Amino acid sequence: MSINRRTFMQSSAAAMAATTLPKGKADACIFLWLGGGAAQTDTFDPKRRGDGKKVAGSAYDSIDTAIRGVKLSEHMPKTAPLLDRCVVMRSITHSIVSEHAAAANLVHTGRTPSGTLQYPSIGSVVAHQLAAKTEEVPSYVVMGYPNITRDPGFLGAKYGYVYLTQVDIGPNGLVRSPDV
């Protein structure tokens, strides 16, 4: 019997969903969304070096990381030694062709847009599940542009984001904790 990767992943996900998983140990989550940012082939998923005209591939050389056999772009030298503490997803796919907003909504909420129900973003879900360590630090922060894909949806405003408009100084009154 032959099984393709998609079928394997779907079956594995279904099996995992059916089991009771232990509560995770993570106490924080950083979700780095590079919408309109650098290409994955020039950051977390480098390919062999291309020439831009005849040979497809990365625009930059790659470097070794803390994980044997896994490489990053040469422009990520501070991330490379920490990669063993990260989860890099390189297999995201969708059936929404040529529609970036709907595809972004799928990544942020895990659902395709619905006309009647607004689903919470991954940031709101993490804020709901983990909560902030202290009242002084927000549980969910958005830098960049806010839109509906970052909203708390049916979880409610309590799990919404703090929007940083000036990322160089941060929100008024927020002071770094001495242990950070």
N, C-alpha and C. Protein backbone atom coordinates (compact mmCIF):
# COMPACT_ATOMS: atom_id res chain seq x y z
N MET A 1 0.84 -1.18 0.00
CA MET A 1 0.00 0.00 0.00
C MET A 1 0.88 1.24 0.00
N SER A 2 0.59 2.16 -0.89
CA SER A 2 1.34 3.40 -0.99
C SER A 2 0.56 4.52 -0.32
N ILE A 3 1.26 5.34 0.41
CA ILE A 3 0.59 6.46 1.09
C ILE A 3 1.39 7.73 0.81
N ASN A 4 0.68 8.79 0.44
CA ASN A 4 1.40 10.03 0.18
C ASN A 4 1.50 10.86 1.46
N ARG A 5 2.29 11.90 1.40
CA ARG A 5 2.58 12.71 2.59
C ARG A 5 1.31 13.36 3.14
N ARG A 6 0.46 13.89 2.26
CA ARG A 6 -0.76 14.57 2.72
C ARG A 6 -1.67 13.61 3.48
N THR A 7 -1.87 12.41 2.93
CA THR A 7 -2.71 11.42 3.59
C THR A 7 -2.12 11.03 4.94
N PHE A 8 -0.80 10.84 4.97
CA PHE A 8 -0.13 10.50 6.22
C PHE A 8 -0.34 11.60 7.27
N MET A 9 -0.16 12.87 6.87
CA MET A 9 -0.31 13.98 7.81
C MET A 9 -1.76 14.09 8.30
N GLN A 10 -2.73 13.90 7.40
CA GLN A 10 -4.13 13.97 7.80
C GLN A 10 -4.48 12.85 8.77
N SER A 11 -4.01 11.65 8.48
CA SER A 11 -4.27 10.51 9.36
C SER A 11 -3.61 10.70 10.71
N SER A 12 -2.38 11.20 10.70
CA SER A 12 -1.65 11.44 11.95
C SER A 12 -2.35 12.50 12.78
N ALA A 13 -2.80 13.57 12.13
CA ALA A 13 -3.49 14.64 12.85
C ALA A 13 -4.79 14.12 13.46
N ALA A 14 -5.51 13.30 12.72
CA ALA A 14 -6.76 12.73 13.24
C ALA A 14 -6.48 11.83 14.44
N ALA A 15 -5.43 11.04 14.36
CA ALA A 15 -5.08 10.15 15.47
C ALA A 15 -4.67 10.96 16.70
N MET A 16 -3.90 12.02 16.48
CA MET A 16 -3.47 12.86 17.59
C MET A 16 -4.66 13.56 18.25
N ALA A 17 -5.60 14.00 17.43
CA ALA A 17 -6.78 14.69 17.97
C ALA A 17 -7.63 13.75 18.81
N ALA A 18 -7.57 12.47 18.51
CA ALA A 18 -8.39 11.49 19.23
C ALA A 18 -7.78 11.09 20.57
N THR A 19 -6.52 11.40 20.77
CA THR A 19 -5.86 11.02 22.02
C THR A 19 -5.87 12.19 23.00
N THR A 20 -5.71 11.88 24.25
CA THR A 20 -5.59 12.91 25.26
C THR A 20 -4.12 13.25 25.41
N LEU A 21 -3.79 14.48 25.13
CA LEU A 21 -2.40 14.90 25.19
C LEU A 21 -2.09 15.56 26.53
N PRO A 22 -0.89 15.38 27.03
CA PRO A 22 -0.53 16.06 28.27
C PRO A 22 -0.44 17.56 28.01
N LYS A 23 -0.67 18.35 29.04
CA LYS A 23 -0.58 19.79 28.91
C LYS A 23 0.86 20.17 28.61
N GLY A 24 1.03 21.06 27.65
CA GLY A 24 2.36 21.51 27.27
C GLY A 24 3.05 22.28 28.38
N LYS A 25 4.36 22.39 28.29
CA LYS A 25 5.14 23.08 29.31
C LYS A 25 5.48 24.51 28.93
N ALA A 26 5.18 24.89 27.69
CA ALA A 26 5.52 26.24 27.24
C ALA A 26 4.77 27.28 28.05
N ASP A 27 5.46 28.38 28.38
CA ASP A 27 4.78 29.45 29.09
C ASP A 27 4.76 30.73 28.26
N ALA A 28 5.20 30.63 27.01
CA ALA A 28 5.17 31.77 26.10
C ALA A 28 5.19 31.25 24.67
N CYS A 29 4.74 32.09 23.76
CA CYS A 29 4.72 31.73 22.35
C CYS A 29 5.00 32.97 21.52
N ILE A 30 5.92 32.86 20.58
CA ILE A 30 6.17 33.94 19.64
C ILE A 30 5.79 33.42 18.26
N PHE A 31 4.81 34.05 17.66
CA PHE A 31 4.35 33.68 16.32
C PHE A 31 4.85 34.76 15.38
N LEU A 32 5.79 34.39 14.53
CA LEU A 32 6.42 35.34 13.62
C LEU A 32 5.75 35.23 12.26
N TRP A 33 4.94 36.21 11.94
CA TRP A 33 4.21 36.22 10.66
C TRP A 33 4.88 37.24 9.75
N LEU A 34 5.46 36.76 8.68
CA LEU A 34 6.15 37.64 7.75
C LEU A 34 5.30 37.86 6.50
N GLY A 35 4.08 38.31 6.68
CA GLY A 35 3.20 38.58 5.55
C GLY A 35 3.79 39.69 4.70
N GLY A 36 4.11 39.38 3.46
CA GLY A 36 4.71 40.37 2.59
C GLY A 36 6.19 40.57 2.89
N GLY A 37 6.72 39.76 3.76
CA GLY A 37 8.12 39.89 4.16
C GLY A 37 9.05 39.06 3.29
N ALA A 38 10.14 38.68 3.85
CA ALA A 38 11.16 37.92 3.13
C ALA A 38 10.62 36.55 2.73
N ALA A 39 11.06 36.06 1.60
CA ALA A 39 10.64 34.75 1.10
C ALA A 39 11.20 33.65 1.99
N GLN A 40 10.45 32.55 2.12
CA GLN A 40 10.91 31.44 2.96
C GLN A 40 12.22 30.86 2.43
N THR A 41 12.44 30.91 1.11
CA THR A 41 13.69 30.37 0.55
C THR A 41 14.89 31.23 0.89
N ASP A 42 14.64 32.44 1.39
CA ASP A 42 15.73 33.33 1.79
C ASP A 42 15.80 33.52 3.30
N THR A 43 15.06 32.69 4.05
CA THR A 43 15.07 32.78 5.51
C THR A 43 15.15 31.39 6.13
N PHE A 44 13.99 30.79 6.41
CA PHE A 44 13.92 29.53 7.15
C PHE A 44 13.96 28.28 6.28
N ASP A 45 13.87 28.41 4.98
CA ASP A 45 13.83 27.24 4.10
C ASP A 45 14.72 27.46 2.88
N PRO A 46 16.03 27.67 3.12
CA PRO A 46 16.89 27.97 1.98
C PRO A 46 17.05 26.78 1.04
N LYS A 47 17.17 27.10 -0.22
CA LYS A 47 17.45 26.11 -1.26
C LYS A 47 18.87 26.34 -1.73
N ARG A 48 19.31 25.54 -2.68
CA ARG A 48 20.64 25.81 -3.21
C ARG A 48 20.63 27.18 -3.85
N ARG A 49 21.77 27.81 -3.94
CA ARG A 49 21.88 29.16 -4.46
C ARG A 49 21.48 29.20 -5.93
N GLY A 50 20.59 30.11 -6.26
CA GLY A 50 20.16 30.30 -7.64
C GLY A 50 20.84 31.51 -8.23
N ASP A 51 20.59 31.75 -9.51
CA ASP A 51 21.19 32.93 -10.14
C ASP A 51 20.15 33.98 -10.53
N GLY A 52 18.89 33.72 -10.23
CA GLY A 52 17.85 34.70 -10.50
C GLY A 52 17.36 34.74 -11.92
N LYS A 53 18.08 34.11 -12.84
CA LYS A 53 17.67 34.13 -14.24
C LYS A 53 17.41 32.74 -14.79
N LYS A 54 18.39 31.86 -14.62
CA LYS A 54 18.26 30.51 -15.18
C LYS A 54 18.05 29.44 -14.13
N VAL A 55 18.66 29.61 -12.97
CA VAL A 55 18.60 28.59 -11.93
C VAL A 55 17.78 29.12 -10.75
N ALA A 56 16.66 28.45 -10.47
CA ALA A 56 15.83 28.84 -9.32
C ALA A 56 16.54 28.45 -8.03
N GLY A 57 16.26 29.17 -6.98
CA GLY A 57 16.85 28.84 -5.69
C GLY A 57 16.92 30.06 -4.80
N SER A 58 17.65 29.93 -3.71
CA SER A 58 17.80 31.02 -2.76
C SER A 58 18.70 32.11 -3.32
N ALA A 59 18.45 33.32 -2.87
CA ALA A 59 19.28 34.45 -3.30
C ALA A 59 20.55 34.54 -2.45
N TYR A 60 20.57 33.81 -1.32
CA TYR A 60 21.70 33.91 -0.40
C TYR A 60 22.23 32.53 -0.05
N ASP A 61 23.44 32.50 0.47
CA ASP A 61 24.02 31.24 0.94
C ASP A 61 23.32 30.82 2.24
N SER A 62 23.49 29.55 2.61
CA SER A 62 22.89 29.06 3.85
C SER A 62 23.99 28.73 4.86
N ILE A 63 23.59 28.67 6.14
CA ILE A 63 24.53 28.37 7.22
C ILE A 63 23.97 27.23 8.06
N ASP A 64 24.86 26.55 8.78
CA ASP A 64 24.45 25.47 9.67
C ASP A 64 23.72 26.04 10.88
N THR A 65 22.91 25.19 11.51
CA THR A 65 22.16 25.59 12.71
C THR A 65 22.47 24.62 13.84
N ALA A 66 21.78 24.78 14.94
CA ALA A 66 21.95 23.89 16.09
C ALA A 66 21.41 22.49 15.81
N ILE A 67 20.66 22.35 14.72
CA ILE A 67 20.11 21.04 14.34
C ILE A 67 20.88 20.53 13.14
N ARG A 68 21.50 19.37 13.29
CA ARG A 68 22.31 18.81 12.22
C ARG A 68 21.47 18.61 10.95
N GLY A 69 21.98 19.09 9.84
CA GLY A 69 21.31 18.92 8.55
C GLY A 69 20.29 19.99 8.22
N VAL A 70 19.99 20.87 9.16
CA VAL A 70 19.03 21.94 8.92
C VAL A 70 19.80 23.24 8.76
N LYS A 71 19.47 23.97 7.71
CA LYS A 71 20.18 25.22 7.42
C LYS A 71 19.23 26.40 7.41
N LEU A 72 19.79 27.58 7.64
CA LEU A 72 19.06 28.84 7.53
C LEU A 72 19.84 29.76 6.61
N SER A 73 19.21 30.86 6.25
CA SER A 73 19.88 31.86 5.44
C SER A 73 21.09 32.41 6.18
N GLU A 74 22.09 32.81 5.42
CA GLU A 74 23.28 33.41 6.01
C GLU A 74 22.96 34.69 6.78
N HIS A 75 21.80 35.27 6.55
CA HIS A 75 21.41 36.51 7.22
C HIS A 75 20.69 36.26 8.55
N MET A 76 20.74 35.02 9.03
CA MET A 76 20.10 34.68 10.31
C MET A 76 21.12 34.06 11.28
N PRO A 77 22.29 34.67 11.43
CA PRO A 77 23.34 34.06 12.25
C PRO A 77 23.02 33.98 13.74
N LYS A 78 22.14 34.83 14.24
CA LYS A 78 21.80 34.77 15.67
C LYS A 78 20.68 33.77 15.94
N THR A 79 19.88 33.48 14.92
CA THR A 79 18.80 32.50 15.06
C THR A 79 19.33 31.08 14.92
N ALA A 80 20.30 30.88 14.05
CA ALA A 80 20.83 29.54 13.74
C ALA A 80 21.23 28.74 14.98
N PRO A 81 21.98 29.30 15.94
CA PRO A 81 22.36 28.50 17.11
C PRO A 81 21.21 28.23 18.07
N LEU A 82 20.08 28.90 17.89
CA LEU A 82 18.92 28.72 18.77
C LEU A 82 17.83 27.86 18.14
N LEU A 83 18.06 27.37 16.94
CA LEU A 83 16.99 26.70 16.20
C LEU A 83 16.48 25.45 16.89
N ASP A 84 17.29 24.82 17.72
CA ASP A 84 16.83 23.63 18.43
C ASP A 84 15.74 23.96 19.46
N ARG A 85 15.50 25.24 19.71
CA ARG A 85 14.44 25.67 20.62
C ARG A 85 13.22 26.20 19.86
N CYS A 86 13.23 26.05 18.55
CA CYS A 86 12.16 26.60 17.70
C CYS A 86 11.40 25.49 16.99
N VAL A 87 10.21 25.81 16.55
CA VAL A 87 9.44 24.93 15.68
C VAL A 87 9.27 25.68 14.37
N VAL A 88 9.85 25.15 13.32
CA VAL A 88 9.75 25.78 12.01
C VAL A 88 8.84 24.92 11.15
N MET A 89 7.74 25.49 10.72
CA MET A 89 6.80 24.76 9.87
C MET A 89 7.12 25.09 8.42
N ARG A 90 7.49 24.08 7.66
CA ARG A 90 7.84 24.28 6.26
C ARG A 90 6.86 23.58 5.33
N SER A 91 5.71 23.22 5.81
CA SER A 91 4.81 22.40 4.98
C SER A 91 3.40 22.96 4.90
N ILE A 92 3.26 24.27 5.03
CA ILE A 92 1.93 24.85 4.96
C ILE A 92 1.47 24.90 3.52
N THR A 93 0.27 24.44 3.30
CA THR A 93 -0.33 24.48 1.96
C THR A 93 -1.81 24.79 2.11
N HIS A 94 -2.40 25.29 1.06
CA HIS A 94 -3.83 25.58 1.09
C HIS A 94 -4.40 25.49 -0.32
N SER A 95 -5.70 25.42 -0.39
CA SER A 95 -6.36 25.31 -1.69
C SER A 95 -6.94 26.64 -2.15
N ILE A 96 -6.63 27.71 -1.44
CA ILE A 96 -7.11 29.04 -1.82
C ILE A 96 -6.09 29.62 -2.79
N VAL A 97 -6.43 29.61 -4.05
CA VAL A 97 -5.48 30.01 -5.09
C VAL A 97 -5.51 31.52 -5.29
N SER A 98 -4.34 32.12 -5.30
CA SER A 98 -4.16 33.53 -5.64
C SER A 98 -5.01 34.49 -4.80
N GLU A 99 -5.25 34.16 -3.56
CA GLU A 99 -6.03 35.05 -2.71
C GLU A 99 -5.33 35.13 -1.36
N HIS A 100 -4.41 36.05 -1.24
CA HIS A 100 -3.56 36.12 -0.06
C HIS A 100 -4.32 36.41 1.23
N ALA A 101 -5.32 37.27 1.18
CA ALA A 101 -6.05 37.60 2.42
C ALA A 101 -6.77 36.39 2.99
N ALA A 102 -7.42 35.61 2.14
CA ALA A 102 -8.12 34.42 2.62
C ALA A 102 -7.13 33.37 3.11
N ALA A 103 -6.00 33.24 2.42
CA ALA A 103 -4.97 32.29 2.85
C ALA A 103 -4.37 32.72 4.19
N ALA A 104 -4.14 34.02 4.37
CA ALA A 104 -3.61 34.53 5.65
C ALA A 104 -4.61 34.27 6.77
N ASN A 105 -5.89 34.45 6.49
CA ASN A 105 -6.93 34.16 7.48
C ASN A 105 -6.88 32.69 7.89
N LEU A 106 -6.66 31.82 6.93
CA LEU A 106 -6.57 30.38 7.21
C LEU A 106 -5.39 30.08 8.13
N VAL A 107 -4.24 30.72 7.89
CA VAL A 107 -3.07 30.50 8.74
C VAL A 107 -3.31 31.05 10.14
N HIS A 108 -3.89 32.24 10.24
CA HIS A 108 -4.08 32.89 11.55
C HIS A 108 -5.19 32.28 12.38
N THR A 109 -6.21 31.72 11.74
CA THR A 109 -7.35 31.20 12.50
C THR A 109 -7.55 29.70 12.36
N GLY A 110 -6.93 29.10 11.36
CA GLY A 110 -7.12 27.68 11.12
C GLY A 110 -8.41 27.38 10.38
N ARG A 111 -9.09 28.41 9.94
CA ARG A 111 -10.38 28.26 9.26
C ARG A 111 -10.44 29.16 8.03
N THR A 112 -11.26 28.76 7.08
CA THR A 112 -11.55 29.66 5.97
C THR A 112 -12.58 30.67 6.45
N PRO A 113 -12.61 31.86 5.86
CA PRO A 113 -13.55 32.88 6.31
C PRO A 113 -15.00 32.40 6.27
N SER A 114 -15.74 32.83 7.28
CA SER A 114 -17.16 32.49 7.37
C SER A 114 -17.94 33.79 7.44
N GLY A 115 -19.05 33.84 6.77
CA GLY A 115 -19.85 35.06 6.78
C GLY A 115 -20.57 35.29 8.09
N THR A 116 -20.72 34.27 8.90
CA THR A 116 -21.52 34.39 10.12
C THR A 116 -20.73 34.32 11.42
N LEU A 117 -19.57 33.71 11.39
CA LEU A 117 -18.81 33.50 12.62
C LEU A 117 -17.37 33.94 12.42
N GLN A 118 -16.88 34.76 13.32
CA GLN A 118 -15.49 35.19 13.25
C GLN A 118 -14.67 34.34 14.22
N TYR A 119 -13.73 33.59 13.68
CA TYR A 119 -12.90 32.71 14.49
C TYR A 119 -11.75 33.49 15.12
N PRO A 120 -11.28 33.07 16.29
CA PRO A 120 -10.17 33.78 16.93
C PRO A 120 -8.84 33.50 16.23
N SER A 121 -7.96 34.47 16.32
CA SER A 121 -6.62 34.31 15.75
C SER A 121 -5.78 33.41 16.65
N ILE A 122 -4.67 32.95 16.13
CA ILE A 122 -3.78 32.10 16.93
C ILE A 122 -3.28 32.86 18.15
N GLY A 123 -3.05 34.17 18.01
CA GLY A 123 -2.61 34.98 19.16
C GLY A 123 -3.65 35.02 20.26
N SER A 124 -4.91 35.14 19.88
CA SER A 124 -5.99 35.16 20.87
C SER A 124 -6.16 33.80 21.52
N VAL A 125 -5.99 32.74 20.75
CA VAL A 125 -6.10 31.39 21.32
C VAL A 125 -4.98 31.16 22.34
N VAL A 126 -3.76 31.57 21.99
CA VAL A 126 -2.64 31.43 22.93
C VAL A 126 -2.89 32.29 24.17
N ALA A 127 -3.38 33.52 23.99
CA ALA A 127 -3.69 34.38 25.13
C ALA A 127 -4.75 33.74 26.02
N HIS A 128 -5.71 33.09 25.42
CA HIS A 128 -6.78 32.40 26.17
C HIS A 128 -6.22 31.21 26.95
N GLN A 129 -5.34 30.45 26.32
CA GLN A 129 -4.83 29.23 26.94
C GLN A 129 -3.70 29.49 27.95
N LEU A 130 -2.81 30.43 27.65
CA LEU A 130 -1.66 30.65 28.52
C LEU A 130 -1.85 31.81 29.49
N ALA A 131 -2.50 32.86 29.07
CA ALA A 131 -2.67 34.09 29.84
C ALA A 131 -1.32 34.75 30.10
N ALA A 132 -1.36 36.00 30.44
CA ALA A 132 -0.14 36.75 30.71
C ALA A 132 0.44 36.32 32.06
N LYS A 133 1.77 36.38 32.17
CA LYS A 133 2.41 36.02 33.43
C LYS A 133 2.11 37.04 34.52
N THR A 134 2.02 38.30 34.12
CA THR A 134 1.69 39.37 35.06
C THR A 134 0.71 40.32 34.37
N GLU A 135 0.07 41.16 35.16
CA GLU A 135 -0.85 42.14 34.59
C GLU A 135 -0.11 43.24 33.85
N GLU A 136 1.17 43.40 34.13
CA GLU A 136 1.95 44.47 33.51
C GLU A 136 2.35 44.14 32.07
N VAL A 137 2.30 42.87 31.71
CA VAL A 137 2.72 42.46 30.36
C VAL A 137 1.51 41.93 29.61
N PRO A 138 1.23 42.49 28.43
CA PRO A 138 0.07 42.00 27.67
C PRO A 138 0.29 40.57 27.21
N SER A 139 -0.80 39.81 27.11
CA SER A 139 -0.68 38.42 26.70
C SER A 139 -0.61 38.27 25.19
N TYR A 140 -0.97 39.30 24.44
CA TYR A 140 -0.99 39.22 22.99
C TYR A 140 -0.66 40.59 22.42
N VAL A 141 0.40 40.65 21.63
CA VAL A 141 0.88 41.91 21.05
C VAL A 141 0.94 41.76 19.54
N VAL A 142 0.47 42.77 18.82
CA VAL A 142 0.58 42.80 17.36
C VAL A 142 1.46 43.98 16.99
N MET A 143 2.50 43.70 16.23
CA MET A 143 3.32 44.75 15.64
C MET A 143 3.04 44.70 14.14
N GLY A 144 3.01 45.84 13.51
CA GLY A 144 2.66 45.86 12.10
C GLY A 144 1.25 46.36 11.95
N TYR A 145 0.54 45.81 11.01
CA TYR A 145 -0.82 46.30 10.78
C TYR A 145 -1.85 45.32 11.35
N PRO A 146 -2.83 45.84 12.08
CA PRO A 146 -3.88 44.97 12.59
C PRO A 146 -4.96 44.77 11.52
N ASN A 147 -5.58 43.63 11.53
CA ASN A 147 -6.74 43.40 10.68
C ASN A 147 -7.56 42.27 11.28
N ILE A 148 -8.60 41.88 10.61
CA ILE A 148 -9.55 40.91 11.16
C ILE A 148 -8.90 39.56 11.47
N THR A 149 -7.82 39.21 10.77
CA THR A 149 -7.19 37.92 11.02
C THR A 149 -6.46 37.88 12.36
N ARG A 150 -6.28 39.02 13.01
CA ARG A 150 -5.60 39.07 14.31
C ARG A 150 -6.59 39.21 15.46
N ASP A 151 -7.86 39.32 15.17
CA ASP A 151 -8.88 39.59 16.18
C ASP A 151 -9.19 38.37 17.06
N PRO A 152 -9.81 38.62 18.23
CA PRO A 152 -10.15 37.52 19.13
C PRO A 152 -11.39 36.73 18.73
N GLY A 153 -12.12 37.22 17.74
CA GLY A 153 -13.31 36.49 17.29
C GLY A 153 -14.27 36.21 18.42
N PHE A 154 -14.80 34.99 18.45
CA PHE A 154 -15.81 34.65 19.46
C PHE A 154 -15.25 34.53 20.88
N LEU A 155 -13.92 34.59 21.05
CA LEU A 155 -13.36 34.56 22.41
C LEU A 155 -13.61 35.88 23.15
N GLY A 156 -13.81 36.95 22.41
CA GLY A 156 -14.12 38.24 23.03
C GLY A 156 -12.91 39.13 23.23
N ALA A 157 -13.19 40.40 23.50
CA ALA A 157 -12.16 41.44 23.59
C ALA A 157 -11.10 41.16 24.65
N LYS A 158 -11.43 40.42 25.68
CA LYS A 158 -10.46 40.10 26.73
C LYS A 158 -9.21 39.44 26.15
N TYR A 159 -9.35 38.73 25.04
CA TYR A 159 -8.23 38.02 24.42
C TYR A 159 -7.76 38.71 23.15
N GLY A 160 -8.08 40.00 23.03
CA GLY A 160 -7.61 40.80 21.90
C GLY A 160 -6.16 41.21 22.10
N TYR A 161 -5.65 41.93 21.15
CA TYR A 161 -4.24 42.30 21.16
C TYR A 161 -4.01 43.73 21.61
N VAL A 162 -2.77 43.98 22.05
CA VAL A 162 -2.26 45.34 22.23
C VAL A 162 -1.51 45.64 20.95
N TYR A 163 -1.86 46.73 20.31
CA TYR A 163 -1.28 47.08 19.02
C TYR A 163 -0.13 48.06 19.21
N LEU A 164 1.07 47.66 18.82
CA LEU A 164 2.23 48.53 18.93
C LEU A 164 2.38 49.33 17.65
N THR A 165 2.18 50.63 17.75
CA THR A 165 2.33 51.48 16.57
C THR A 165 3.75 52.01 16.46
N GLN A 166 4.43 52.15 17.59
CA GLN A 166 5.81 52.61 17.60
C GLN A 166 6.66 51.50 18.22
N VAL A 167 7.14 50.61 17.37
CA VAL A 167 7.82 49.43 17.88
C VAL A 167 9.18 49.73 18.50
N ASP A 168 9.73 50.90 18.25
CA ASP A 168 11.03 51.21 18.83
C ASP A 168 10.94 51.61 20.30
N ILE A 169 9.76 52.07 20.76
CA ILE A 169 9.63 52.48 22.16
C ILE A 169 8.63 51.64 22.94
N GLY A 170 7.72 50.96 22.27
CA GLY A 170 6.73 50.13 22.95
C GLY A 170 5.60 50.95 23.54
N PRO A 171 4.64 50.29 24.19
CA PRO A 171 3.49 51.01 24.74
C PRO A 171 3.86 51.83 25.97
N ASN A 172 3.16 52.93 26.17
CA ASN A 172 3.39 53.79 27.34
C ASN A 172 3.21 52.99 28.63
N GLY A 173 4.13 53.17 29.55
CA GLY A 173 4.00 52.55 30.85
C GLY A 173 4.51 51.12 30.94
N LEU A 174 4.84 50.51 29.81
CA LEU A 174 5.33 49.13 29.84
C LEU A 174 6.84 49.15 30.08
N VAL A 175 7.25 48.57 31.18
CA VAL A 175 8.66 48.53 31.55
C VAL A 175 9.11 47.08 31.61
N ARG A 176 10.28 46.81 31.06
CA ARG A 176 10.81 45.45 31.06
C ARG A 176 11.01 44.96 32.48
N SER A 177 10.56 43.75 32.74
CA SER A 177 10.73 43.13 34.04
C SER A 177 12.21 42.89 34.29
N PRO A 178 12.70 43.04 35.52
CA PRO A 178 14.12 42.86 35.80
C PRO A 178 14.64 41.46 35.46
N ASP A 179 13.76 40.45 35.46
CA ASP A 179 14.22 39.09 35.17
C ASP A 179 14.17 38.74 33.69
N VAL A 180 13.88 39.72 32.83
CA VAL A 180 13.84 39.46 31.38
C VAL A 180 15.09 39.99 30.74
